[in-house]
C-alpha atoms as a PDB file:
ATOM      1  CA  MET A   1      57.909 -26.589 -62.227  1.00  0.00           C
ATOM      2  CA  PHE A   2      59.565 -30.088 -63.131  1.00  0.00           C
ATOM      3  CA  ARG A   3      58.711 -33.155 -64.928  1.00  0.00           C
ATOM      4  CA  ASN A   4      57.646 -36.082 -64.332  1.00  0.00           C
ATOM      5  CA  GLN A   5      55.617 -39.136 -65.669  1.00  0.00           C
ATOM      6  CA  TYR A   6      52.270 -37.877 -65.419  1.00  0.00           C
ATOM      7  CA  ASP A   7      52.891 -34.735 -67.615  1.00  0.00           C
ATOM      8  CA  THR A   8      53.276 -35.745 -71.033  1.00  0.00           C
ATOM      9  CA  ASP A   9      49.652 -35.600 -71.853  1.00  0.00           C
ATOM     10  CA  VAL A  10      47.572 -33.157 -71.206  1.00  0.00           C
ATOM     11  CA  THR A  11      44.764 -36.015 -70.688  1.00  0.00           C
ATOM     12  CA  VAL A  12      46.537 -37.599 -68.177  1.00  0.00           C
ATOM     13  CA  TRP A  13      45.659 -37.431 -64.361  1.00  0.00           C
ATOM     14  CA  SER A  14      48.262 -37.339 -61.864  1.00  0.00           C
ATOM     15  CA  PRO A  15      47.641 -39.307 -58.375  1.00  0.00           C
ATOM     16  CA  GLU A  16      46.713 -35.878 -56.581  1.00  0.00           C
ATOM     17  CA  GLY A  17      43.881 -35.407 -58.963  1.00  0.00           C
ATOM     18  CA  ARG A  18      46.056 -33.042 -61.153  1.00  0.00           C
ATOM     19  CA  LEU A  19      46.295 -32.133 -64.811  1.00  0.00           C
ATOM     20  CA  LEU A  20      49.866 -30.733 -65.107  1.00  0.00           C
ATOM     21  CA  GLN A  21      49.606 -29.786 -68.459  1.00  0.00           C
ATOM     22  CA  VAL A  22      46.897 -27.330 -67.606  1.00  0.00           C
ATOM     23  CA  GLU A  23      48.903 -26.017 -64.420  1.00  0.00           C
ATOM     24  CA  TYR A  24      52.176 -25.324 -66.903  1.00  0.00           C
ATOM     25  CA  ALA A  25      49.832 -23.474 -69.150  1.00  0.00           C
ATOM     26  CA  MET A  26      48.707 -20.986 -66.145  1.00  0.00           C
ATOM     27  CA  GLU A  27      51.782 -20.555 -65.150  1.00  0.00           C
ATOM     28  CA  SER A  28      52.840 -19.170 -68.355  1.00  0.00           C
ATOM     29  CA  VAL A  29      49.697 -16.350 -67.586  1.00  0.00           C
ATOM     30  CA  LYS A  30      51.654 -15.776 -64.253  1.00  0.00           C
ATOM     31  CA  GLN A  31      55.243 -15.379 -65.859  1.00  0.00           C
ATOM     32  CA  GLY A  32      53.347 -12.652 -68.935  1.00  0.00           C
ATOM     33  CA  SER A  33      53.634  -8.894 -68.214  1.00  0.00           C
ATOM     34  CA  ALA A  34      51.021  -7.838 -65.896  1.00  0.00           C
ATOM     35  CA  CYS A  35      47.496  -6.512 -67.105  1.00  0.00           C
ATOM     36  CA  VAL A  36      45.265  -4.749 -64.649  1.00  0.00           C
ATOM     37  CA  GLY A  37      41.185  -4.227 -65.016  1.00  0.00           C
ATOM     38  CA  LEU A  38      38.821  -2.326 -62.760  1.00  0.00           C
ATOM     39  CA  LYS A  39      35.237  -1.026 -63.785  1.00  0.00           C
ATOM     40  CA  SER A  40      32.864   1.700 -62.235  1.00  0.00           C
ATOM     41  CA  LYS A  41      29.079   2.130 -63.092  1.00  0.00           C
ATOM     42  CA  THR A  42      30.172   3.704 -66.347  1.00  0.00           C
ATOM     43  CA  HIS A  43      33.366   2.683 -67.708  1.00  0.00           C
ATOM     44  CA  CYS A  44      35.519  -0.501 -67.776  1.00  0.00           C
ATOM     45  CA  ILE A  45      39.111   0.159 -68.070  1.00  0.00           C
ATOM     46  CA  ILE A  46      42.135  -2.120 -68.738  1.00  0.00           C
ATOM     47  CA  GLY A  47      45.734  -1.273 -68.350  1.00  0.00           C
ATOM     48  CA  ALA A  48      48.808  -3.486 -69.478  1.00  0.00           C
ATOM     49  CA  LEU A  49      52.633  -3.152 -69.035  1.00  0.00           C
ATOM     50  CA  LYS A  50      54.214  -3.917 -72.294  1.00  0.00           C
ATOM     51  CA  ARG A  51      57.577  -5.867 -72.919  1.00  0.00           C
ATOM     52  CA  SER A  52      60.238  -5.472 -75.418  1.00  0.00           C
ATOM     53  CA  VAL A  53      62.715  -8.462 -76.461  1.00  0.00           C
ATOM     54  CA  ASN A  54      65.467  -5.940 -76.601  1.00  0.00           C
ATOM     55  CA  GLU A  55      66.584  -2.215 -76.788  1.00  0.00           C
ATOM     56  CA  LEU A  56      65.787  -2.379 -80.448  1.00  0.00           C
ATOM     57  CA  SER A  57      62.787  -3.966 -80.843  1.00  0.00           C
ATOM     58  CA  SER A  58      59.562  -2.438 -80.329  1.00  0.00           C
ATOM     59  CA  HIS A  59      57.182  -3.168 -77.548  1.00  0.00           C
ATOM     60  CA  GLN A  60      54.504  -6.129 -77.906  1.00  0.00           C
ATOM     61  CA  LYS A  61      51.065  -4.984 -78.234  1.00  0.00           C
ATOM     62  CA  LYS A  62      49.329  -5.986 -75.211  1.00  0.00           C
ATOM     63  CA  ILE A  63      45.595  -4.718 -75.805  1.00  0.00           C
ATOM     64  CA  MET A  64      43.414  -6.184 -78.874  1.00  0.00           C
ATOM     65  CA  ARG A  65      40.112  -4.656 -80.099  1.00  0.00           C
ATOM     66  CA  ILE A  66      37.081  -7.162 -80.753  1.00  0.00           C
ATOM     67  CA  ASP A  67      34.496  -5.232 -81.316  1.00  0.00           C
ATOM     68  CA  ASN A  68      33.184  -2.021 -81.089  1.00  0.00           C
ATOM     69  CA  HIS A  69      32.054  -2.817 -77.658  1.00  0.00           C
ATOM     70  CA  ILE A  70      34.833  -5.479 -76.202  1.00  0.00           C
ATOM     71  CA  GLY A  71      38.173  -5.124 -75.642  1.00  0.00           C
ATOM     72  CA  VAL A  72      41.068  -7.753 -74.677  1.00  0.00           C
ATOM     73  CA  GLY A  73      44.268  -7.383 -72.390  1.00  0.00           C
ATOM     74  CA  ILE A  74      46.300 -10.170 -72.283  1.00  0.00           C
ATOM     75  CA  ALA A  75      49.021 -12.026 -70.195  1.00  0.00           C
ATOM     76  CA  GLY A  76      50.830 -14.987 -71.498  1.00  0.00           C
ATOM     77  CA  LEU A  77      51.920 -16.338 -74.531  1.00  0.00           C
ATOM     78  CA  THR A  78      50.964 -13.352 -77.335  1.00  0.00           C
ATOM     79  CA  ALA A  79      50.374 -15.815 -80.103  1.00  0.00           C
ATOM     80  CA  ASP A  80      48.058 -17.727 -78.408  1.00  0.00           C
ATOM     81  CA  ALA A  81      46.160 -14.486 -77.491  1.00  0.00           C
ATOM     82  CA  ARG A  82      46.118 -13.193 -81.431  1.00  0.00           C
ATOM     83  CA  SER A  83      44.844 -16.791 -82.074  1.00  0.00           C
ATOM     84  CA  LEU A  84      41.759 -16.562 -79.593  1.00  0.00           C
ATOM     85  CA  ALA A  85      41.461 -12.670 -80.637  1.00  0.00           C
ATOM     86  CA  LYS A  86      40.599 -13.571 -84.078  1.00  0.00           C
ATOM     87  CA  TRP A  87      38.327 -16.185 -83.053  1.00  0.00           C
ATOM     88  CA  MET A  88      36.236 -14.038 -80.962  1.00  0.00           C
ATOM     89  CA  ARG A  89      36.292 -10.968 -83.671  1.00  0.00           C
ATOM     90  CA  ASN A  90      34.582 -14.249 -86.004  1.00  0.00           C
ATOM     91  CA  GLU A  91      31.936 -14.463 -83.111  1.00  0.00           C
ATOM     92  CA  CYS A  92      31.270 -11.256 -83.211  1.00  0.00           C
ATOM     93  CA  LEU A  93      30.585 -10.623 -87.062  1.00  0.00           C
ATOM     94  CA  ASN A  94      28.567 -14.022 -87.209  1.00  0.00           C
ATOM     95  CA  HIS A  95      26.208 -12.749 -84.264  1.00  0.00           C
ATOM     96  CA  LYS A  96      25.688  -9.340 -86.305  1.00  0.00           C
ATOM     97  CA  TYR A  97      25.326 -10.680 -89.234  1.00  0.00           C
ATOM     98  CA  VAL A  98      22.747 -12.965 -88.232  1.00  0.00           C
ATOM     99  CA  TYR A  99      21.060 -10.813 -85.734  1.00  0.00           C
ATOM    100  CA  SER A 100      21.758  -7.439 -87.167  1.00  0.00           C
ATOM    101  CA  THR A 101      22.835  -6.328 -83.084  1.00  0.00           C
ATOM    102  CA  GLN A 102      26.112  -6.667 -81.306  1.00  0.00           C
ATOM    103  CA  ILE A 103      26.821  -9.791 -79.161  1.00  0.00           C
ATOM    104  CA  ASN A 104      26.211 -10.054 -75.349  1.00  0.00           C
ATOM    105  CA  SER A 105      29.594  -9.996 -73.754  1.00  0.00           C
ATOM    106  CA  SER A 106      28.308 -12.972 -71.570  1.00  0.00           C
ATOM    107  CA  LYS A 107      27.437 -15.414 -74.379  1.00  0.00           C
ATOM    108  CA  LEU A 108      31.143 -14.404 -75.939  1.00  0.00           C
ATOM    109  CA  MET A 109      32.599 -15.204 -72.678  1.00  0.00           C
ATOM    110  CA  LEU A 110      31.177 -18.246 -72.027  1.00  0.00           C
ATOM    111  CA  ASP A 111      31.514 -20.082 -75.352  1.00  0.00           C
ATOM    112  CA  LEU A 112      35.371 -18.885 -74.999  1.00  0.00           C
ATOM    113  CA  ALA A 113      35.526 -20.439 -71.895  1.00  0.00           C
ATOM    114  CA  ASP A 114      33.944 -23.645 -73.449  1.00  0.00           C
ATOM    115  CA  LYS A 115      37.096 -23.299 -75.985  1.00  0.00           C
ATOM    116  CA  HIS A 116      39.537 -23.271 -73.564  1.00  0.00           C
ATOM    117  CA  GLN A 117      37.873 -26.447 -71.480  1.00  0.00           C
ATOM    118  CA  ARG A 118      37.900 -28.387 -74.630  1.00  0.00           C
ATOM    119  CA  THR A 119      41.842 -28.258 -75.014  1.00  0.00           C
ATOM    120  CA  THR A 120      42.209 -29.813 -71.411  1.00  0.00           C
ATOM    121  CA  GLN A 121      39.919 -32.859 -72.564  1.00  0.00           C
ATOM    122  CA  THR A 122      41.656 -33.998 -75.963  1.00  0.00           C
ATOM    123  CA  TYR A 123      45.356 -34.969 -76.415  1.00  0.00           C
ATOM    124  CA  VAL A 124      45.227 -33.767 -80.123  1.00  0.00           C
ATOM    125  CA  ARG A 125      45.936 -29.864 -78.677  1.00  0.00           C
ATOM    126  CA  ARG A 126      47.769 -28.482 -75.925  1.00  0.00           C
ATOM    127  CA  PRO A 127      45.899 -25.950 -73.504  1.00  0.00           C
ATOM    128  CA  TYR A 128      46.330 -21.766 -74.805  1.00  0.00           C
ATOM    129  CA  GLY A 129      49.169 -20.517 -72.257  1.00  0.00           C
ATOM    130  CA  VAL A 130      46.889 -17.063 -71.921  1.00  0.00           C
ATOM    131  CA  GLY A 131      45.159 -15.109 -69.974  1.00  0.00           C
ATOM    132  CA  LEU A 132      42.690 -12.716 -71.115  1.00  0.00           C
ATOM    133  CA  LEU A 133      40.968  -9.471 -69.260  1.00  0.00           C
ATOM    134  CA  VAL A 134      37.767  -8.559 -71.204  1.00  0.00           C
ATOM    135  CA  ALA A 135      36.064  -5.376 -70.957  1.00  0.00           C
ATOM    136  CA  ALA A 136      32.696  -4.793 -72.456  1.00  0.00           C
ATOM    137  CA  TYR A 137      29.607  -2.452 -72.335  1.00  0.00           C
ATOM    138  CA  ASP A 138      26.409  -4.326 -72.607  1.00  0.00           C
ATOM    139  CA  GLY A 139      24.119  -1.175 -72.687  1.00  0.00           C
ATOM    140  CA  LYS A 140      22.725   1.103 -70.464  1.00  0.00           C
ATOM    141  CA  THR A 141      20.655  -2.174 -68.776  1.00  0.00           C
ATOM    142  CA  LEU A 142      23.995  -4.042 -68.116  1.00  0.00           C
ATOM    143  CA  GLY A 143      26.317  -1.434 -68.255  1.00  0.00           C
ATOM    144  CA  PRO A 144      29.896  -2.205 -68.217  1.00  0.00           C
ATOM    145  CA  ARG A 145      31.327  -5.594 -67.770  1.00  0.00           C
ATOM    146  CA  LEU A 146      34.862  -6.841 -66.361  1.00  0.00           C
ATOM    147  CA  TYR A 147      35.932 -10.898 -67.282  1.00  0.00           C
ATOM    148  CA  GLN A 148      38.969 -12.944 -66.656  1.00  0.00           C
ATOM    149  CA  THR A 149      39.601 -15.954 -68.627  1.00  0.00           C
ATOM    150  CA  CYS A 150      42.043 -18.787 -67.583  1.00  0.00           C
ATOM    151  CA  PRO A 151      43.873 -21.909 -69.415  1.00  0.00           C
ATOM    152  CA  SER A 152      41.796 -24.399 -67.684  1.00  0.00           C
ATOM    153  CA  GLY A 153      38.210 -23.074 -69.414  1.00  0.00           C
ATOM    154  CA  ASN A 154      37.718 -21.135 -65.632  1.00  0.00           C
ATOM    155  CA  LEU A 155      35.583 -18.007 -66.012  1.00  0.00           C
ATOM    156  CA  TYR A 156      35.401 -14.780 -63.565  1.00  0.00           C
ATOM    157  CA  GLU A 157      33.789 -11.579 -63.435  1.00  0.00           C
ATOM    158  CA  TYR A 158      34.927  -8.912 -61.373  1.00  0.00           C
ATOM    159  CA  TYR A 159      34.894  -5.608 -59.971  1.00  0.00           C
ATOM    160  CA  ALA A 160      38.740  -5.348 -60.253  1.00  0.00           C
ATOM    161  CA  THR A 161      41.448  -7.716 -60.805  1.00  0.00           C
ATOM    162  CA  ALA A 162      45.181  -8.032 -62.430  1.00  0.00           C
ATOM    163  CA  ILE A 163      47.009 -10.908 -63.643  1.00  0.00           C
ATOM    164  CA  GLY A 164      50.480 -11.676 -64.798  1.00  0.00           C
ATOM    165  CA  ALA A 165      54.344 -11.584 -63.163  1.00  0.00           C
ATOM    166  CA  ARG A 166      54.183  -8.988 -59.672  1.00  0.00           C
ATOM    167  CA  SER A 167      50.158  -8.451 -60.358  1.00  0.00           C
ATOM    168  CA  GLN A 168      49.741  -9.190 -56.208  1.00  0.00           C
ATOM    169  CA  SER A 169      50.835  -5.555 -55.376  1.00  0.00           C
ATOM    170  CA  ALA A 170      48.132  -4.547 -57.962  1.00  0.00           C
ATOM    171  CA  ARG A 171      45.540  -6.242 -56.715  1.00  0.00           C
ATOM    172  CA  THR A 172      46.630  -4.825 -53.275  1.00  0.00           C
ATOM    173  CA  TYR A 173      45.963  -1.832 -54.010  1.00  0.00           C
ATOM    174  CA  LEU A 174      42.557  -2.749 -56.129  1.00  0.00           C
ATOM    175  CA  GLU A 175      41.533  -4.381 -53.050  1.00  0.00           C
ATOM    176  CA  LYS A 176      41.936  -1.086 -51.130  1.00  0.00           C
ATOM    177  CA  TYR A 177      40.386   1.377 -53.217  1.00  0.00           C
ATOM    178  CA  TYR A 178      37.518  -0.989 -55.346  1.00  0.00           C
ATOM    179  CA  GLU A 179      34.779   0.186 -53.072  1.00  0.00           C
ATOM    180  CA  THR A 180      35.400   4.129 -54.083  1.00  0.00           C
ATOM    181  CA  PHE A 181      35.549   2.599 -57.954  1.00  0.00           C
ATOM    182  CA  ALA A 182      31.295   2.660 -58.569  1.00  0.00           C
ATOM    183  CA  ASP A 183      30.991   6.382 -58.872  1.00  0.00           C
ATOM    184  CA  CYS A 184      34.709   7.626 -59.912  1.00  0.00           C
ATOM    185  CA  THR A 185      34.687   9.336 -63.339  1.00  0.00           C
ATOM    186  CA  GLU A 186      36.806   8.333 -66.506  1.00  0.00           C
ATOM    187  CA  LYS A 187      39.957  10.473 -65.438  1.00  0.00           C
ATOM    188  CA  GLU A 188      39.874   9.149 -61.760  1.00  0.00           C
ATOM    189  CA  MET A 189      39.470   5.620 -63.224  1.00  0.00           C
ATOM    190  CA  ILE A 190      42.338   5.823 -65.418  1.00  0.00           C
ATOM    191  CA  LEU A 191      44.785   7.080 -62.462  1.00  0.00           C
ATOM    192  CA  HIS A 192      43.759   4.303 -60.460  1.00  0.00           C
ATOM    193  CA  CYS A 193      44.400   1.608 -62.917  1.00  0.00           C
ATOM    194  CA  ILE A 194      47.976   3.532 -63.422  1.00  0.00           C
ATOM    195  CA  ARG A 195      48.968   3.751 -59.772  1.00  0.00           C
ATOM    196  CA  SER A 196      48.077  -0.364 -59.293  1.00  0.00           C
ATOM    197  CA  LEU A 197      50.004  -0.935 -62.460  1.00  0.00           C
ATOM    198  CA  LYS A 198      53.025   0.949 -60.902  1.00  0.00           C
ATOM    199  CA  GLY A 199      54.000  -2.095 -58.045  1.00  0.00           C
ATOM    200  CA  CYS A 200      54.022  -4.641 -61.030  1.00  0.00           C
ATOM    201  CA  VAL A 201      57.122  -2.695 -62.841  1.00  0.00           C
ATOM    202  CA  SER A 202      60.297  -5.016 -62.637  1.00  0.00           C
ATOM    203  CA  GLY A 203      63.413  -3.979 -60.921  1.00  0.00           C
ATOM    204  CA  ASP A 204      64.106  -0.383 -61.574  1.00  0.00           C
ATOM    205  CA  GLY A 205      61.719   0.113 -64.393  1.00  0.00           C
ATOM    206  CA  ALA A 206      58.868   2.680 -64.502  1.00  0.00           C
ATOM    207  CA  LEU A 207      55.892   3.293 -66.086  1.00  0.00           C
ATOM    208  CA  ASP A 208      56.416   5.366 -69.313  1.00  0.00           C
ATOM    209  CA  GLU A 209      54.428   6.070 -72.580  1.00  0.00           C
ATOM    210  CA  GLU A 210      56.119   3.490 -74.389  1.00  0.00           C
ATOM    211  CA  ASN A 211      55.978   0.728 -72.300  1.00  0.00           C
ATOM    212  CA  THR A 212      52.291   1.262 -70.803  1.00  0.00           C
ATOM    213  CA  SER A 213      48.948   0.856 -72.462  1.00  0.00           C
ATOM    214  CA  VAL A 214      45.326   1.894 -71.114  1.00  0.00           C
ATOM    215  CA  LEU A 215      41.642   0.756 -72.589  1.00  0.00           C
ATOM    216  CA  VAL A 216      38.703   2.751 -71.887  1.00  0.00           C
ATOM    217  CA  VAL A 217      35.339   1.433 -72.551  1.00  0.00           C
ATOM    218  CA  ALA A 218      32.025   3.029 -72.133  1.00  0.00           C
ATOM    219  CA  ASP A 219      28.970   3.517 -73.603  1.00  0.00           C
ATOM    220  CA  GLY A 220      29.214   4.528 -77.083  1.00  0.00           C
ATOM    221  CA  VAL A 221      33.419   4.593 -76.066  1.00  0.00           C
ATOM    222  CA  PHE A 222      36.303   2.673 -77.282  1.00  0.00           C
ATOM    223  CA  LYS A 223      39.977   3.983 -76.898  1.00  0.00           C
ATOM    224  CA  VAL A 224      43.302   2.898 -76.582  1.00  0.00           C
ATOM    225  CA  LEU A 225      45.517   5.473 -74.750  1.00  0.00           C
ATOM    226  CA  GLU A 226      49.066   5.335 -75.872  1.00  0.00           C
ATOM    227  CA  GLY A 227      52.075   7.730 -76.228  1.00  0.00           C
ATOM    228  CA  GLU A 228      51.588  11.695 -75.884  1.00  0.00           C
ATOM    229  CA  ASP A 229      47.532  10.661 -75.067  1.00  0.00           C
ATOM    230  CA  LEU A 230      48.824   8.430 -71.827  1.00  0.00           C
ATOM    231  CA  LYS A 231      51.578  10.871 -71.036  1.00  0.00           C
ATOM    232  CA  VAL A 232      49.348  13.673 -69.513  1.00  0.00           C
ATOM    233  CA  TYR A 233      48.238  10.863 -66.844  1.00  0.00           C
ATOM    234  CA  LEU A 234      51.289   9.779 -66.102  1.00  0.00           C
ATOM    235  CA  ASP A 235      53.034  13.093 -65.488  1.00  0.00           C
ATOM    236  CA  GLU A 236      50.138  13.563 -63.097  1.00  0.00           C
ATOM    237  CA  ILE A 237      50.789  10.529 -61.289  1.00  0.00           C
ATOM    238  CA  SER A 238      54.705  11.762 -61.229  1.00  0.00           C
ATOM    239  CA  ALA A 239      53.658  15.063 -59.866  1.00  0.00           C
ATOM    240  CA  GLU A 240      51.505  13.355 -56.911  1.00  0.00           C
ATOM    241  CA  ALA A 241      55.090  11.111 -56.075  1.00  0.00           C
ATOM    242  CA  GLU A 242      56.971  14.193 -56.044  1.00  0.00           C
ATOM    243  CA  ALA A 243      54.660  15.811 -54.090  1.00  0.00           C
ATOM    244  CA  ALA A 244      54.326  12.967 -51.222  1.00  0.00           C
ATOM    245  CA  ASP A 245      58.435  12.672 -51.266  1.00  0.00           C
ATOM    246  CA  GLU A 246      58.725  16.234 -50.638  1.00  0.00           C
ATOM    247  CA  GLY A 247      55.950  16.103 -47.725  1.00  0.00           C
ATOM    248  CA  GLY A 248      57.966  13.220 -46.392  1.00  0.00           C
ATOM    249  CA  ASP A 249      61.468  14.802 -46.360  1.00  0.00           C
ATOM    250  CA  GLY A 250      59.611  17.593 -44.589  1.00  0.00           C
ATOM    251  CA  GLY A 251      58.385  15.626 -41.859  1.00  0.00           C
ATOM    252  CA  ASP A 252      61.695  13.934 -41.221  1.00  0.00           C
ATOM    253  CA  GLY A 253      63.362  17.540 -41.000  1.00  0.00           C
ATOM    254  CA  GLU A 254      61.167  18.542 -38.353  1.00  0.00           C
ATOM    255  CA  GLU A 255      61.476  15.104 -36.547  1.00  0.00           C
ATOM    256  CA  ALA A 256      65.229  15.367 -36.678  1.00  0.00           C
ATOM    257  CA  ALA A 257      65.270  19.323 -35.266  1.00  0.00           C
ATOM    258  CA  ALA A 258      63.475  17.706 -32.022  1.00  0.00           C
ATOM    259  CA  PRO A 259      66.297  16.004 -30.243  1.00  0.00           C
ATOM    260  CA  GLU A 260      68.664  19.109 -30.617  1.00  0.00           C
ATOM    261  CA  GLU A 261      66.352  21.151 -28.367  1.00  0.00           C
ATOM    262  CA  GLU A 262      66.942  18.483 -25.517  1.00  0.00           C
ATOM    263  CA  PRO A 263      70.586  19.120 -24.624  1.00  0.00           C
ATOM    264  CA  GLU A 264      69.614  22.952 -24.372  1.00  0.00           C
ATOM    265  CA  ALA A 265      67.232  22.043 -21.341  1.00  0.00           C
ATOM    266  CA  MET A 266      69.263  20.010 -19.934  1.00  0.00           C
ATOM    267  CA  GLU A 267      72.077  22.557 -19.795  1.00  0.00           C
ATOM    268  CA  THR A 268      69.956  24.978 -18.315  1.00  0.00           C
END
């Protein structure tokens, strides 16, 4: 991205019909650590990669609780995400105080999208530089819901999606398997989530219980898997990878043995 005369203010249009400040905010989402979401008929799962500034610091929190039935995963500026999460919690509490019931996730998400959009239309505020994946459960009638927000104010609902840096590999995995998610169990959904996140790790890094978080939202269930709770699933994924490698090595050995038989046949 580069500066030009049309990116000094969020309300200034470029000749191509673009709001460059909004595009810069969307770029910050693409550079954030990856976040993956998927849902079945009974569960909504969000997985997130956590970053640490250096080896001496703790990992940043990427999953936030909004209400007993709503949680979010973030990609982008963590400070902006905290501000939005605080606003969402207040909206949930206000609705519960007035109506004595939990807020419907679609209403909250539409209000959140409007909040994003207002920052793109006034010069006194900049757009929020964060994208959210929101997992919710709206009762047995509507079931689990998965939403994605954008700094531009757009709102999307998905069966499965991924945002953040190197998220294309996760989307490729999800596009391949999403049709099987509907009838998956909670454990199978968590394993799918971790498998899709594997390709989003930078360099020679690997998923571990320190840099990975998984959120599970279902009927009466809200839990965040980290540390030892998550290690069980990571070990299972590692065992699958080792078994696949051993199978591949065995196949290569058989192929290598075949050419040795040909000279013997020629000599006879």
